[in-house]
Amino acid sequence: MTVRLALHVNGRTHEVDVPARRTLADALREDCGLTGTHVGCEHGVCGACTVLVDGDAVRSCLMFAVQCEGAQVRTIEGLDHPLQEAFSREHALQCGFCTPGFLMLAAGALEADPSIVDDPERLRELLTSNLCRCTGYEAIRRAVRGSSPGTASATDRSTPGTPH
């Protein structure tokens, strides 16, 4: 069964015909041509496919595209956030496969509650919900902390690995 949808992605409407059971990740990549959302495990574990739906971070491999009818979806292609510069500055990426998911996860969290950077345990819990096999998480944590106004920047660190 095919369903006609109007997917609102990054401020643009995509009229698409999709199978009723097509995931949001596949619809974004195959039907909207937005390949920045990566598909890793396809079980919602790795977080590579994280996008924002009405401001909430979701695993797009676990959501059907039809569930997004009328919702606002934001992908890495629509992100314009200080996190991107901070990830570069802090070397918070290596292979880059997980990066779009981390950026979307962190952007959603910071937009919902900027004070998350002031609570190391909450920030750790957030970031460990996505998987990275290359960098470890310290540079990613520094990037998220350093992207938020009023937090220490990369140049303010005294010793790597020491909390700010």
C-alpha atoms as a PDB file:
ATOM      1  CA  MET A   1       0.000   0.000   0.000  1.00  0.00           C
ATOM      2  CA  THR A   2       1.379   3.411  -1.007  1.00  0.00           C
ATOM      3  CA  VAL A   3       0.526   6.599   0.842  1.00  0.00           C
ATOM      4  CA  ARG A   4       0.837  10.171  -0.439  1.00  0.00           C
ATOM      5  CA  LEU A   5       2.476  12.393   2.192  1.00  0.00           C
ATOM      6  CA  ALA A   6       3.467  15.987   2.583  1.00  0.00           C
ATOM      7  CA  LEU A   7       6.673  15.807   4.623  1.00  0.00           C
ATOM      8  CA  HIS A   8       7.739  19.179   6.020  1.00  0.00           C
ATOM      9  CA  VAL A   9      11.515  18.934   6.217  1.00  0.00           C
ATOM     10  CA  ASN A  10      13.888  21.822   6.923  1.00  0.00           C
ATOM     11  CA  GLY A  11      11.226  24.388   6.057  1.00  0.00           C
ATOM     12  CA  ARG A  12      10.366  22.795   2.699  1.00  0.00           C
ATOM     13  CA  THR A  13       7.432  20.552   1.792  1.00  0.00           C
ATOM     14  CA  HIS A  14       8.204  17.282   0.012  1.00  0.00           C
ATOM     15  CA  GLU A  15       5.191  15.625  -1.624  1.00  0.00           C
ATOM     16  CA  VAL A  16       6.083  11.939  -1.676  1.00  0.00           C
ATOM     17  CA  ASP A  17       4.416   8.611  -2.371  1.00  0.00           C
ATOM     18  CA  VAL A  18       5.782   6.049   0.085  1.00  0.00           C
ATOM     19  CA  PRO A  19       4.954   2.524   1.160  1.00  0.00           C
ATOM     20  CA  ALA A  20       2.945   2.718   4.396  1.00  0.00           C
ATOM     21  CA  ARG A  21       5.742   0.955   6.298  1.00  0.00           C
ATOM     22  CA  ARG A  22       8.637   3.086   4.996  1.00  0.00           C
ATOM     23  CA  THR A  23      10.730   4.471   7.831  1.00  0.00           C
ATOM     24  CA  LEU A  24      11.294   8.176   8.173  1.00  0.00           C
ATOM     25  CA  ALA A  25      15.035   7.567   7.651  1.00  0.00           C
ATOM     26  CA  ASP A  26      14.410   5.843   4.323  1.00  0.00           C
ATOM     27  CA  ALA A  27      11.867   8.461   3.215  1.00  0.00           C
ATOM     28  CA  LEU A  28      14.318  11.264   4.001  1.00  0.00           C
ATOM     29  CA  ARG A  29      17.137   9.561   2.115  1.00  0.00           C
ATOM     30  CA  GLU A  30      15.287   7.943  -0.793  1.00  0.00           C
ATOM     31  CA  ASP A  31      12.259  10.157  -1.370  1.00  0.00           C
ATOM     32  CA  CYS A  32      13.505  13.577  -0.249  1.00  0.00           C
ATOM     33  CA  GLY A  33      17.128  13.169  -1.366  1.00  0.00           C
ATOM     34  CA  LEU A  34      18.458  14.160   2.068  1.00  0.00           C
ATOM     35  CA  THR A  35      21.267  11.696   2.625  1.00  0.00           C
ATOM     36  CA  GLY A  36      22.855  13.387   5.644  1.00  0.00           C
ATOM     37  CA  THR A  37      20.737  11.258   7.961  1.00  0.00           C
ATOM     38  CA  HIS A  38      22.744   8.066   8.296  1.00  0.00           C
ATOM     39  CA  VAL A  39      21.316   4.619   8.891  1.00  0.00           C
ATOM     40  CA  GLY A  40      23.433   2.420  11.120  1.00  0.00           C
ATOM     41  CA  CYS A  41      21.935  -0.359  13.168  1.00  0.00           C
ATOM     42  CA  GLU A  42      18.296   0.029  12.018  1.00  0.00           C
ATOM     43  CA  HIS A  43      17.203  -0.937  15.546  1.00  0.00           C
ATOM     44  CA  GLY A  44      17.292   2.478  17.266  1.00  0.00           C
ATOM     45  CA  VAL A  45      20.419   1.674  19.235  1.00  0.00           C
ATOM     46  CA  CYS A  46      23.227   3.637  17.568  1.00  0.00           C
ATOM     47  CA  GLY A  47      21.587   7.050  17.089  1.00  0.00           C
ATOM     48  CA  ALA A  48      23.170   7.726  13.679  1.00  0.00           C
ATOM     49  CA  CYS A  49      19.703   8.392  12.255  1.00  0.00           C
ATOM     50  CA  THR A  50      18.667  10.972  14.869  1.00  0.00           C
ATOM     51  CA  VAL A  51      16.582  13.867  13.520  1.00  0.00           C
ATOM     52  CA  LEU A  52      14.300  16.393  15.189  1.00  0.00           C
ATOM     53  CA  VAL A  53      10.539  15.979  14.828  1.00  0.00           C
ATOM     54  CA  ASP A  54       8.666  18.976  16.209  1.00  0.00           C
ATOM     55  CA  GLY A  55      11.824  19.777  18.175  1.00  0.00           C
ATOM     56  CA  ASP A  56      12.216  16.342  19.763  1.00  0.00           C
ATOM     57  CA  ALA A  57      15.156  14.079  18.934  1.00  0.00           C
ATOM     58  CA  VAL A  58      13.900  10.809  17.437  1.00  0.00           C
ATOM     59  CA  ARG A  59      15.494   7.738  15.892  1.00  0.00           C
ATOM     60  CA  SER A  60      14.230   8.022  12.331  1.00  0.00           C
ATOM     61  CA  CYS A  61      14.840   4.307  11.709  1.00  0.00           C
ATOM     62  CA  LEU A  62      12.122   3.517  14.278  1.00  0.00           C
ATOM     63  CA  MET A  63       9.509   5.968  13.043  1.00  0.00           C
ATOM     64  CA  PHE A  64       7.322   5.496  10.001  1.00  0.00           C
ATOM     65  CA  ALA A  65       7.232   8.396   7.556  1.00  0.00           C
ATOM     66  CA  VAL A  66       3.418   8.430   7.778  1.00  0.00           C
ATOM     67  CA  GLN A  67       3.734   9.313  11.473  1.00  0.00           C
ATOM     68  CA  CYS A  68       5.261  12.643  10.440  1.00  0.00           C
ATOM     69  CA  GLU A  69       2.294  13.928   8.473  1.00  0.00           C
ATOM     70  CA  GLY A  70       1.828  17.516   9.670  1.00  0.00           C
ATOM     71  CA  ALA A  71       5.031  17.502  11.761  1.00  0.00           C
ATOM     72  CA  GLN A  72       8.107  19.672  11.276  1.00  0.00           C
ATOM     73  CA  VAL A  73      11.183  17.528  10.627  1.00  0.00           C
ATOM     74  CA  ARG A  74      14.701  18.926  10.837  1.00  0.00           C
ATOM     75  CA  THR A  75      17.698  17.030   9.534  1.00  0.00           C
ATOM     76  CA  ILE A  76      21.401  17.764   9.515  1.00  0.00           C
ATOM     77  CA  GLU A  77      20.938  19.555   6.179  1.00  0.00           C
ATOM     78  CA  GLY A  78      18.701  22.092   7.959  1.00  0.00           C
ATOM     79  CA  LEU A  79      20.922  22.590  10.995  1.00  0.00           C
ATOM     80  CA  ASP A  80      22.614  25.949  11.490  1.00  0.00           C
ATOM     81  CA  HIS A  81      23.969  25.783  15.019  1.00  0.00           C
ATOM     82  CA  PRO A  82      27.149  26.742  16.934  1.00  0.00           C
ATOM     83  CA  LEU A  83      27.579  23.008  17.591  1.00  0.00           C
ATOM     84  CA  GLN A  84      28.904  22.523  14.086  1.00  0.00           C
ATOM     85  CA  GLU A  85      31.811  24.908  14.636  1.00  0.00           C
ATOM     86  CA  ALA A  86      32.410  23.478  18.113  1.00  0.00           C
ATOM     87  CA  PHE A  87      32.621  19.920  16.735  1.00  0.00           C
ATOM     88  CA  SER A  88      35.257  21.086  14.274  1.00  0.00           C
ATOM     89  CA  ARG A  89      37.184  23.111  16.856  1.00  0.00           C
ATOM     90  CA  GLU A  90      37.200  20.236  19.378  1.00  0.00           C
ATOM     91  CA  HIS A  91      37.969  17.518  16.807  1.00  0.00           C
ATOM     92  CA  ALA A  92      34.774  15.782  17.925  1.00  0.00           C
ATOM     93  CA  LEU A  93      34.550  13.677  14.799  1.00  0.00           C
ATOM     94  CA  GLN A  94      36.747  11.248  12.964  1.00  0.00           C
ATOM     95  CA  CYS A  95      35.017   9.060  10.403  1.00  0.00           C
ATOM     96  CA  GLY A  96      31.927  11.287  10.569  1.00  0.00           C
ATOM     97  CA  PHE A  97      29.329   8.541  10.344  1.00  0.00           C
ATOM     98  CA  CYS A  98      27.809   9.262  13.758  1.00  0.00           C
ATOM     99  CA  THR A  99      28.275  13.040  13.577  1.00  0.00           C
ATOM    100  CA  PRO A 100      24.892  14.029  12.080  1.00  0.00           C
ATOM    101  CA  GLY A 101      23.087  12.030  14.771  1.00  0.00           C
ATOM    102  CA  PHE A 102      25.157  13.560  17.568  1.00  0.00           C
ATOM    103  CA  LEU A 103      24.649  17.073  16.200  1.00  0.00           C
ATOM    104  CA  MET A 104      20.884  16.638  15.962  1.00  0.00           C
ATOM    105  CA  LEU A 105      20.661  15.013  19.400  1.00  0.00           C
ATOM    106  CA  ALA A 106      22.699  17.781  21.030  1.00  0.00           C
ATOM    107  CA  ALA A 107      20.959  20.602  19.138  1.00  0.00           C
ATOM    108  CA  GLY A 108      17.549  19.335  20.234  1.00  0.00           C
ATOM    109  CA  ALA A 109      18.689  18.998  23.842  1.00  0.00           C
ATOM    110  CA  LEU A 110      20.310  22.450  23.931  1.00  0.00           C
ATOM    111  CA  GLU A 111      17.285  24.095  22.344  1.00  0.00           C
ATOM    112  CA  ALA A 112      14.971  22.424  24.873  1.00  0.00           C
ATOM    113  CA  ASP A 113      17.194  23.056  27.917  1.00  0.00           C
ATOM    114  CA  PRO A 114      20.497  24.944  27.544  1.00  0.00           C
ATOM    115  CA  SER A 115      21.328  24.213  31.194  1.00  0.00           C
ATOM    116  CA  ILE A 116      22.046  20.573  30.323  1.00  0.00           C
ATOM    117  CA  VAL A 117      25.687  21.614  29.806  1.00  0.00           C
ATOM    118  CA  ASP A 118      25.880  22.619  33.486  1.00  0.00           C
ATOM    119  CA  ASP A 119      25.049  19.113  34.691  1.00  0.00           C
ATOM    120  CA  PRO A 120      27.841  16.676  33.764  1.00  0.00           C
ATOM    121  CA  GLU A 121      25.730  13.611  34.593  1.00  0.00           C
ATOM    122  CA  ARG A 122      22.777  14.703  32.447  1.00  0.00           C
ATOM    123  CA  LEU A 123      25.105  15.602  29.582  1.00  0.00           C
ATOM    124  CA  ARG A 124      26.919  12.257  29.881  1.00  0.00           C
ATOM    125  CA  GLU A 125      23.602  10.401  29.893  1.00  0.00           C
ATOM    126  CA  LEU A 126      22.437  12.279  26.809  1.00  0.00           C
ATOM    127  CA  LEU A 127      25.603  11.718  24.815  1.00  0.00           C
ATOM    128  CA  THR A 128      25.997   8.059  25.686  1.00  0.00           C
ATOM    129  CA  SER A 129      22.609   7.396  24.095  1.00  0.00           C
ATOM    130  CA  ASN A 130      24.370   7.625  20.705  1.00  0.00           C
ATOM    131  CA  LEU A 131      27.301   5.436  19.718  1.00  0.00           C
ATOM    132  CA  CYS A 132      30.673   6.553  18.404  1.00  0.00           C
ATOM    133  CA  ARG A 133      33.333   3.971  17.631  1.00  0.00           C
ATOM    134  CA  CYS A 134      36.105   6.433  16.731  1.00  0.00           C
ATOM    135  CA  THR A 135      36.462   9.445  19.009  1.00  0.00           C
ATOM    136  CA  GLY A 136      35.423   8.363  22.445  1.00  0.00           C
ATOM    137  CA  TYR A 137      33.083  10.880  23.963  1.00  0.00           C
ATOM    138  CA  GLU A 138      35.333  13.463  25.619  1.00  0.00           C
ATOM    139  CA  ALA A 139      35.772  15.669  22.534  1.00  0.00           C
ATOM    140  CA  ILE A 140      32.045  15.435  21.804  1.00  0.00           C
ATOM    141  CA  ARG A 141      31.247  16.464  25.382  1.00  0.00           C
ATOM    142  CA  ARG A 142      33.650  19.411  25.125  1.00  0.00           C
ATOM    143  CA  ALA A 143      32.095  20.464  21.830  1.00  0.00           C
ATOM    144  CA  VAL A 144      28.577  20.449  23.270  1.00  0.00           C
ATOM    145  CA  ARG A 145      29.714  22.364  26.360  1.00  0.00           C
ATOM    146  CA  GLY A 146      31.735  24.807  24.253  1.00  0.00           C
ATOM    147  CA  SER A 147      28.864  25.559  21.885  1.00  0.00           C
ATOM    148  CA  SER A 148      26.577  26.860  24.588  1.00  0.00           C
ATOM    149  CA  PRO A 149      26.772  30.546  25.564  1.00  0.00           C
ATOM    150  CA  GLY A 150      28.316  31.095  28.970  1.00  0.00           C
ATOM    151  CA  THR A 151      30.312  27.868  29.106  1.00  0.00           C
ATOM    152  CA  ALA A 152      34.035  27.388  28.918  1.00  0.00           C
ATOM    153  CA  SER A 153      35.463  27.238  25.425  1.00  0.00           C
ATOM    154  CA  ALA A 154      38.154  24.940  24.112  1.00  0.00           C
ATOM    155  CA  THR A 155      40.822  27.531  24.832  1.00  0.00           C
ATOM    156  CA  ASP A 156      39.791  27.731  28.498  1.00  0.00           C
ATOM    157  CA  ARG A 157      40.679  24.093  29.228  1.00  0.00           C
ATOM    158  CA  SER A 158      43.548  23.574  31.567  1.00  0.00           C
ATOM    159  CA  THR A 159      44.030  19.818  31.217  1.00  0.00           C
ATOM    160  CA  PRO A 160      42.347  17.509  28.672  1.00  0.00           C
ATOM    161  CA  GLY A 161      39.795  15.317  30.390  1.00  0.00           C
ATOM    162  CA  THR A 162      39.411  17.685  33.312  1.00  0.00           C
ATOM    163  CA  PRO A 163      35.851  18.966  33.765  1.00  0.00           C
ATOM    164  CA  HIS A 164      35.474  22.688  33.121  1.00  0.00           C
END
